[in-house]
Structure formats: structure tokens, C-alpha cells
Amino acid sequence: MSRQIINPDSLVKPRGFAHGVRAGEFVYLGGQTAMDAAGEIVPGGIVEQFVQAFSNVLTTLRAAGGAPGDLVDVTIYLTDVDDYQRHGREIGRHWREMAGTEYPAMAGIGVTRLWQPEALIEIQGVAHIAAPEEG
């Protein structure tokens, strides 16, 4: 099976990890926090951080040749589950704007902290990109 590292130029250059790895028809999307292109966590709260983190995931997915509808599994790590739930409707609206309504399998997991102390959320996922049909 082929294996391709995916590190989009528009994301911070990774050190010691890959933003994504395509293995055959699957793309494994490394955990993304709300880090902007300058390497800083975006200001604001959970909604702003969700938008940036999910945008980073989708940037990597698109660089691998996929689209949001290809997501089959998403895990969201949260430092404050209650805060995420309080903003659930707004976060859901952003999800639909960014990825539509074909929802993957999902999990939300509360954690005590993330790699960057100011990060409130980290999102990782798996996508399946079918091989092009031969004609």
C-alpha cells in the first residue's frame, strides 16, 4: 500500500509529526488545534477555536485530494466540555457551513489540557477517498 505524507504549505510546518498521512484510500488527519499560519492559537473562545481547528483539518484533507464528505471518523478533544455544549448550536452551524450534513462517526472527549496551554480544542479525523474508477 502506498503511503504519502500530507503537509499543506498554508499550515504551520510540522516538527516531529505530519498533518496527514494518506495510506491507500484512507487519510489519517493528525490532531489540529486552532493554530493559525503564524503558529499562534487564534484569539476568542471555543467557537473561534473550533472554526480554526476544523479549517486546519479540512485544509489537510483537501491537500490529500479529499472533501468534507469523505470524513468517516472525527474525534474532538476538549478542555471544557460544558463550554462546547453551551455553544453547540453555533458550532453546529459552522460545521454545516464548512462540511455539510453528511456527518461522520464522532466522539467528543474531555481532557485536562492540550499541547498548547491556550488551546481549548483539538480535532483529528479519518477520511476515505475512493480510488478513481477506471474507464
N, C-alpha and C. Protein backbone atom coordinates (compact mmCIF):
# COMPACT_ATOMS: atom_id res chain seq x y z
N MET A 1 0.85 -1.18 0.00
CA MET A 1 0.00 0.00 0.00
C MET A 1 0.89 1.24 0.00
N SER A 2 0.50 2.22 -0.79
CA SER A 2 1.27 3.46 -0.84
C SER A 2 1.01 4.29 0.42
N ARG A 3 1.98 5.10 0.77
CA ARG A 3 1.88 5.98 1.95
C ARG A 3 2.43 7.33 1.54
N GLN A 4 1.62 8.38 1.75
CA GLN A 4 2.02 9.73 1.35
C GLN A 4 1.81 10.68 2.53
N ILE A 5 2.84 11.42 2.87
CA ILE A 5 2.74 12.43 3.92
C ILE A 5 2.07 13.68 3.33
N ILE A 6 1.14 14.26 4.08
CA ILE A 6 0.40 15.44 3.64
C ILE A 6 0.70 16.58 4.61
N ASN A 7 1.42 17.58 4.14
CA ASN A 7 1.72 18.77 4.94
C ASN A 7 1.47 20.01 4.09
N PRO A 8 0.24 20.53 4.12
CA PRO A 8 -0.08 21.70 3.30
C PRO A 8 0.80 22.90 3.65
N ASP A 9 1.22 23.63 2.62
CA ASP A 9 2.06 24.81 2.82
C ASP A 9 1.37 25.90 3.63
N SER A 10 0.03 25.94 3.60
CA SER A 10 -0.69 27.00 4.31
C SER A 10 -0.78 26.76 5.81
N LEU A 11 -0.39 25.58 6.27
CA LEU A 11 -0.37 25.30 7.71
C LEU A 11 1.06 25.41 8.23
N VAL A 12 1.18 25.59 9.52
CA VAL A 12 2.49 25.68 10.15
C VAL A 12 3.29 24.42 9.82
N LYS A 13 4.57 24.61 9.51
CA LYS A 13 5.42 23.47 9.20
C LYS A 13 5.52 22.57 10.43
N PRO A 14 5.16 21.29 10.26
CA PRO A 14 5.19 20.39 11.42
C PRO A 14 6.60 19.97 11.80
N ARG A 15 6.79 19.71 13.07
CA ARG A 15 8.05 19.19 13.58
C ARG A 15 7.74 17.95 14.39
N GLY A 16 8.21 16.82 13.91
CA GLY A 16 8.01 15.58 14.64
C GLY A 16 6.66 14.92 14.42
N PHE A 17 5.88 15.40 13.47
CA PHE A 17 4.59 14.81 13.14
C PHE A 17 4.21 15.23 11.73
N ALA A 18 3.17 14.63 11.20
CA ALA A 18 2.63 15.02 9.89
C ALA A 18 1.20 15.53 10.10
N HIS A 19 0.81 16.51 9.31
CA HIS A 19 -0.58 16.97 9.38
C HIS A 19 -1.53 15.86 8.93
N GLY A 20 -1.08 15.07 7.98
CA GLY A 20 -1.90 13.96 7.50
C GLY A 20 -1.03 12.91 6.83
N VAL A 21 -1.59 11.72 6.76
CA VAL A 21 -0.93 10.62 6.06
C VAL A 21 -2.00 9.92 5.23
N ARG A 22 -1.74 9.84 3.92
CA ARG A 22 -2.63 9.08 3.06
C ARG A 22 -2.04 7.69 2.90
N ALA A 23 -2.83 6.68 3.23
CA ALA A 23 -2.43 5.28 3.10
C ALA A 23 -3.51 4.59 2.28
N GLY A 24 -3.21 4.36 1.01
CA GLY A 24 -4.22 3.79 0.12
C GLY A 24 -5.39 4.75 -0.03
N GLU A 25 -6.59 4.26 0.26
CA GLU A 25 -7.79 5.09 0.13
C GLU A 25 -8.14 5.84 1.42
N PHE A 26 -7.31 5.69 2.45
CA PHE A 26 -7.60 6.35 3.72
C PHE A 26 -6.63 7.50 3.97
N VAL A 27 -7.16 8.55 4.58
CA VAL A 27 -6.34 9.69 5.01
C VAL A 27 -6.52 9.83 6.51
N TYR A 28 -5.41 9.77 7.22
CA TYR A 28 -5.40 9.93 8.67
C TYR A 28 -4.99 11.37 8.95
N LEU A 29 -5.90 12.11 9.53
CA LEU A 29 -5.72 13.54 9.74
C LEU A 29 -5.26 13.78 11.17
N GLY A 30 -4.03 14.24 11.30
CA GLY A 30 -3.44 14.48 12.61
C GLY A 30 -4.21 15.54 13.39
N GLY A 31 -4.11 15.47 14.70
CA GLY A 31 -4.81 16.42 15.55
C GLY A 31 -4.44 17.86 15.23
N GLN A 32 -5.47 18.69 15.07
CA GLN A 32 -5.29 20.11 14.76
C GLN A 32 -5.91 20.95 15.86
N THR A 33 -5.11 21.86 16.38
CA THR A 33 -5.65 22.86 17.31
C THR A 33 -5.98 24.10 16.48
N ALA A 34 -6.28 25.18 17.17
CA ALA A 34 -6.69 26.41 16.50
C ALA A 34 -5.49 27.27 16.12
N MET A 35 -4.43 26.63 15.67
CA MET A 35 -3.21 27.35 15.30
C MET A 35 -3.37 27.99 13.93
N ASP A 36 -3.04 29.27 13.86
CA ASP A 36 -3.09 29.97 12.58
C ASP A 36 -1.78 29.77 11.82
N ALA A 37 -1.68 30.38 10.64
CA ALA A 37 -0.50 30.20 9.78
C ALA A 37 0.78 30.72 10.44
N ALA A 38 0.65 31.62 11.40
CA ALA A 38 1.82 32.16 12.11
C ALA A 38 2.23 31.30 13.30
N GLY A 39 1.47 30.23 13.56
CA GLY A 39 1.81 29.35 14.67
C GLY A 39 1.21 29.77 16.00
N GLU A 40 0.24 30.68 15.96
CA GLU A 40 -0.40 31.17 17.19
C GLU A 40 -1.82 30.63 17.28
N ILE A 41 -2.28 30.35 18.49
CA ILE A 41 -3.67 29.96 18.70
C ILE A 41 -4.54 31.20 18.50
N VAL A 42 -5.60 31.07 17.70
CA VAL A 42 -6.45 32.23 17.40
C VAL A 42 -7.10 32.75 18.68
N PRO A 43 -7.28 34.07 18.74
CA PRO A 43 -7.96 34.63 19.92
C PRO A 43 -9.45 34.31 19.88
N GLY A 44 -10.07 34.46 21.02
CA GLY A 44 -11.50 34.19 21.13
C GLY A 44 -11.73 32.95 21.96
N GLY A 45 -12.94 32.46 21.87
CA GLY A 45 -13.31 31.31 22.68
C GLY A 45 -13.42 30.04 21.88
N ILE A 46 -14.25 29.13 22.36
CA ILE A 46 -14.38 27.81 21.78
C ILE A 46 -14.89 27.85 20.35
N VAL A 47 -15.79 28.77 20.03
CA VAL A 47 -16.32 28.83 18.67
C VAL A 47 -15.23 29.21 17.68
N GLU A 48 -14.49 30.26 17.98
CA GLU A 48 -13.40 30.69 17.10
C GLU A 48 -12.34 29.60 16.96
N GLN A 49 -12.05 28.94 18.08
CA GLN A 49 -11.05 27.88 18.03
C GLN A 49 -11.57 26.66 17.25
N PHE A 50 -12.85 26.35 17.38
CA PHE A 50 -13.42 25.26 16.58
C PHE A 50 -13.26 25.55 15.10
N VAL A 51 -13.65 26.75 14.68
CA VAL A 51 -13.59 27.11 13.26
C VAL A 51 -12.16 26.97 12.73
N GLN A 52 -11.17 27.46 13.47
CA GLN A 52 -9.79 27.39 13.00
C GLN A 52 -9.29 25.94 12.99
N ALA A 53 -9.55 25.20 14.05
CA ALA A 53 -9.07 23.81 14.12
C ALA A 53 -9.70 22.96 13.02
N PHE A 54 -11.01 23.10 12.82
CA PHE A 54 -11.68 22.30 11.79
C PHE A 54 -11.24 22.74 10.40
N SER A 55 -11.01 24.03 10.23
CA SER A 55 -10.47 24.51 8.95
C SER A 55 -9.11 23.88 8.66
N ASN A 56 -8.27 23.75 9.68
CA ASN A 56 -6.97 23.12 9.51
C ASN A 56 -7.12 21.66 9.09
N VAL A 57 -8.07 20.95 9.71
CA VAL A 57 -8.33 19.56 9.35
C VAL A 57 -8.75 19.48 7.88
N LEU A 58 -9.69 20.34 7.50
CA LEU A 58 -10.20 20.31 6.12
C LEU A 58 -9.14 20.73 5.11
N THR A 59 -8.25 21.63 5.48
CA THR A 59 -7.14 22.02 4.60
C THR A 59 -6.27 20.81 4.30
N THR A 60 -5.97 20.04 5.33
CA THR A 60 -5.16 18.84 5.14
C THR A 60 -5.91 17.81 4.30
N LEU A 61 -7.18 17.63 4.57
CA LEU A 61 -7.98 16.68 3.80
C LEU A 61 -8.01 17.07 2.32
N ARG A 62 -8.22 18.33 2.03
CA ARG A 62 -8.25 18.77 0.63
C ARG A 62 -6.89 18.60 -0.04
N ALA A 63 -5.82 18.85 0.70
CA ALA A 63 -4.47 18.66 0.15
C ALA A 63 -4.22 17.19 -0.20
N ALA A 64 -4.93 16.29 0.45
CA ALA A 64 -4.80 14.86 0.16
C ALA A 64 -5.72 14.42 -0.97
N GLY A 65 -6.50 15.37 -1.51
CA GLY A 65 -7.41 15.04 -2.60
C GLY A 65 -8.82 14.71 -2.16
N GLY A 66 -9.14 15.00 -0.91
CA GLY A 66 -10.46 14.67 -0.38
C GLY A 66 -11.34 15.89 -0.21
N ALA A 67 -12.53 15.63 0.30
CA ALA A 67 -13.53 16.66 0.56
C ALA A 67 -14.21 16.33 1.89
N PRO A 68 -14.90 17.31 2.48
CA PRO A 68 -15.53 17.05 3.78
C PRO A 68 -16.43 15.82 3.82
N GLY A 69 -17.11 15.52 2.74
CA GLY A 69 -17.98 14.35 2.69
C GLY A 69 -17.23 13.03 2.78
N ASP A 70 -15.90 13.08 2.65
CA ASP A 70 -15.07 11.87 2.75
C ASP A 70 -14.74 11.51 4.20
N LEU A 71 -15.02 12.41 5.14
CA LEU A 71 -14.73 12.12 6.55
C LEU A 71 -15.56 10.93 7.01
N VAL A 72 -14.92 9.97 7.65
CA VAL A 72 -15.64 8.82 8.20
C VAL A 72 -15.58 8.77 9.72
N ASP A 73 -14.61 9.48 10.30
CA ASP A 73 -14.46 9.47 11.76
C ASP A 73 -13.79 10.77 12.20
N VAL A 74 -14.35 11.40 13.21
CA VAL A 74 -13.78 12.63 13.77
C VAL A 74 -13.79 12.51 15.29
N THR A 75 -12.67 12.87 15.89
CA THR A 75 -12.57 12.91 17.35
C THR A 75 -12.23 14.34 17.74
N ILE A 76 -12.99 14.87 18.68
CA ILE A 76 -12.80 16.23 19.17
C ILE A 76 -12.39 16.15 20.65
N TYR A 77 -11.22 16.69 20.95
CA TYR A 77 -10.71 16.74 22.33
C TYR A 77 -10.98 18.14 22.86
N LEU A 78 -11.54 18.21 24.06
CA LEU A 78 -11.99 19.48 24.63
C LEU A 78 -11.47 19.66 26.05
N THR A 79 -11.00 20.86 26.34
CA THR A 79 -10.60 21.14 27.72
C THR A 79 -11.78 21.54 28.59
N ASP A 80 -12.92 21.90 27.96
CA ASP A 80 -14.12 22.29 28.71
C ASP A 80 -15.35 21.82 27.92
N VAL A 81 -15.81 20.62 28.22
CA VAL A 81 -16.95 20.04 27.51
C VAL A 81 -18.19 20.91 27.69
N ASP A 82 -18.41 21.44 28.89
CA ASP A 82 -19.59 22.26 29.13
C ASP A 82 -19.60 23.50 28.24
N ASP A 83 -18.44 24.13 28.07
CA ASP A 83 -18.34 25.31 27.21
C ASP A 83 -18.70 24.94 25.77
N TYR A 84 -18.19 23.83 25.30
CA TYR A 84 -18.51 23.35 23.95
C TYR A 84 -20.01 23.13 23.82
N GLN A 85 -20.62 22.48 24.80
CA GLN A 85 -22.06 22.22 24.75
C GLN A 85 -22.87 23.50 24.77
N ARG A 86 -22.45 24.49 25.57
CA ARG A 86 -23.15 25.79 25.61
C ARG A 86 -23.17 26.45 24.24
N HIS A 87 -22.14 26.23 23.45
CA HIS A 87 -22.03 26.84 22.12
C HIS A 87 -22.33 25.86 20.99
N GLY A 88 -22.98 24.75 21.35
CA GLY A 88 -23.23 23.68 20.39
C GLY A 88 -23.98 24.09 19.14
N ARG A 89 -25.00 24.91 19.29
CA ARG A 89 -25.78 25.33 18.11
C ARG A 89 -24.92 26.14 17.14
N GLU A 90 -24.14 27.06 17.68
CA GLU A 90 -23.28 27.88 16.83
C GLU A 90 -22.18 27.04 16.19
N ILE A 91 -21.60 26.14 16.94
CA ILE A 91 -20.57 25.25 16.41
C ILE A 91 -21.18 24.36 15.32
N GLY A 92 -22.38 23.84 15.58
CA GLY A 92 -23.07 23.02 14.58
C GLY A 92 -23.33 23.79 13.29
N ARG A 93 -23.69 25.06 13.41
CA ARG A 93 -23.92 25.89 12.22
C ARG A 93 -22.63 26.03 11.43
N HIS A 94 -21.52 26.27 12.12
CA HIS A 94 -20.23 26.37 11.43
C HIS A 94 -19.87 25.04 10.76
N TRP A 95 -20.10 23.93 11.46
CA TRP A 95 -19.81 22.62 10.86
C TRP A 95 -20.56 22.48 9.53
N ARG A 96 -21.88 22.77 9.55
CA ARG A 96 -22.69 22.62 8.34
C ARG A 96 -22.21 23.53 7.22
N GLU A 97 -21.78 24.75 7.57
CA GLU A 97 -21.26 25.68 6.55
C GLU A 97 -19.96 25.16 5.95
N MET A 98 -19.14 24.52 6.77
CA MET A 98 -17.82 24.08 6.33
C MET A 98 -17.82 22.68 5.72
N ALA A 99 -18.73 21.80 6.20
CA ALA A 99 -18.65 20.40 5.81
C ALA A 99 -19.97 19.78 5.39
N GLY A 100 -21.06 20.51 5.46
CA GLY A 100 -22.35 19.94 5.07
C GLY A 100 -22.96 19.11 6.18
N THR A 101 -23.89 18.25 5.79
CA THR A 101 -24.65 17.49 6.78
C THR A 101 -24.44 15.98 6.66
N GLU A 102 -23.43 15.55 5.93
CA GLU A 102 -23.07 14.13 5.93
C GLU A 102 -22.09 13.92 7.08
N TYR A 103 -22.66 13.63 8.25
CA TYR A 103 -21.83 13.56 9.45
C TYR A 103 -21.09 12.23 9.54
N PRO A 104 -19.82 12.28 9.94
CA PRO A 104 -19.07 11.04 10.18
C PRO A 104 -19.38 10.50 11.57
N ALA A 105 -18.82 9.33 11.87
CA ALA A 105 -18.83 8.86 13.25
C ALA A 105 -18.01 9.88 14.05
N MET A 106 -18.45 10.18 15.26
CA MET A 106 -17.78 11.23 16.03
C MET A 106 -17.67 10.85 17.50
N ALA A 107 -16.68 11.44 18.14
CA ALA A 107 -16.53 11.33 19.59
C ALA A 107 -16.05 12.68 20.11
N GLY A 108 -16.56 13.07 21.26
CA GLY A 108 -16.08 14.25 21.97
C GLY A 108 -15.50 13.78 23.29
N ILE A 109 -14.28 14.16 23.57
CA ILE A 109 -13.59 13.66 24.75
C ILE A 109 -13.05 14.83 25.57
N GLY A 110 -13.38 14.87 26.84
CA GLY A 110 -12.85 15.89 27.74
C GLY A 110 -11.45 15.52 28.19
N VAL A 111 -10.56 16.50 28.14
CA VAL A 111 -9.16 16.30 28.56
C VAL A 111 -8.77 17.43 29.51
N THR A 112 -7.71 17.23 30.27
CA THR A 112 -7.29 18.26 31.21
C THR A 112 -6.53 19.40 30.54
N ARG A 113 -5.79 19.07 29.46
CA ARG A 113 -5.10 20.12 28.70
C ARG A 113 -4.65 19.56 27.38
N LEU A 114 -4.29 20.47 26.47
CA LEU A 114 -3.76 20.10 25.15
C LEU A 114 -2.32 20.57 25.05
N TRP A 115 -1.68 20.26 23.92
CA TRP A 115 -0.25 20.56 23.75
C TRP A 115 0.05 22.03 23.99
N GLN A 116 -0.72 22.92 23.35
CA GLN A 116 -0.56 24.35 23.60
C GLN A 116 -1.50 24.72 24.76
N PRO A 117 -0.97 25.29 25.83
CA PRO A 117 -1.80 25.57 27.01
C PRO A 117 -3.03 26.43 26.72
N GLU A 118 -2.97 27.31 25.72
CA GLU A 118 -4.11 28.18 25.41
C GLU A 118 -5.13 27.53 24.48
N ALA A 119 -4.83 26.33 23.99
CA ALA A 119 -5.76 25.62 23.10
C ALA A 119 -6.91 25.03 23.91
N LEU A 120 -8.13 25.22 23.40
CA LEU A 120 -9.33 24.70 24.03
C LEU A 120 -9.85 23.45 23.34
N ILE A 121 -9.38 23.20 22.11
CA ILE A 121 -9.93 22.14 21.29
C ILE A 121 -8.85 21.57 20.37
N GLU A 122 -8.95 20.29 20.10
CA GLU A 122 -8.10 19.64 19.10
C GLU A 122 -8.99 18.66 18.35
N ILE A 123 -8.86 18.65 17.03
CA ILE A 123 -9.70 17.80 16.19
C ILE A 123 -8.82 16.92 15.32
N GLN A 124 -9.12 15.63 15.29
CA GLN A 124 -8.43 14.72 14.39
C GLN A 124 -9.48 13.89 13.67
N GLY A 125 -9.10 13.28 12.57
CA GLY A 125 -10.08 12.51 11.83
C GLY A 125 -9.47 11.48 10.90
N VAL A 126 -10.37 10.73 10.29
CA VAL A 126 -10.02 9.75 9.27
C VAL A 126 -11.00 9.97 8.12
N ALA A 127 -10.47 9.93 6.90
CA ALA A 127 -11.31 10.06 5.72
C ALA A 127 -11.05 8.88 4.78
N HIS A 128 -12.06 8.55 4.01
CA HIS A 128 -11.92 7.52 2.98
C HIS A 128 -12.15 8.17 1.63
N ILE A 129 -11.15 8.10 0.79
CA ILE A 129 -11.23 8.67 -0.55
C ILE A 129 -11.17 7.51 -1.53
N ALA A 130 -12.29 7.23 -2.15
CA ALA A 130 -12.35 6.10 -3.07
C ALA A 130 -11.39 6.30 -4.23
N ALA A 131 -10.80 5.22 -4.67
CA ALA A 131 -9.92 5.28 -5.83
C ALA A 131 -10.75 5.64 -7.05
N PRO A 132 -10.18 6.43 -7.97
CA PRO A 132 -10.93 6.77 -9.18
C PRO A 132 -11.29 5.50 -9.97
N GLU A 133 -12.49 5.51 -10.50
CA GLU A 133 -12.91 4.37 -11.30
C GLU A 133 -12.18 4.37 -12.62
N GLU A 134 -11.74 3.19 -13.02
CA GLU A 134 -11.06 3.07 -14.30
C GLU A 134 -12.10 2.93 -15.40
N GLY A 135 -11.85 3.59 -16.48
CA GLY A 135 -12.85 3.55 -17.53
C GLY A 135 -12.37 3.21 -18.85
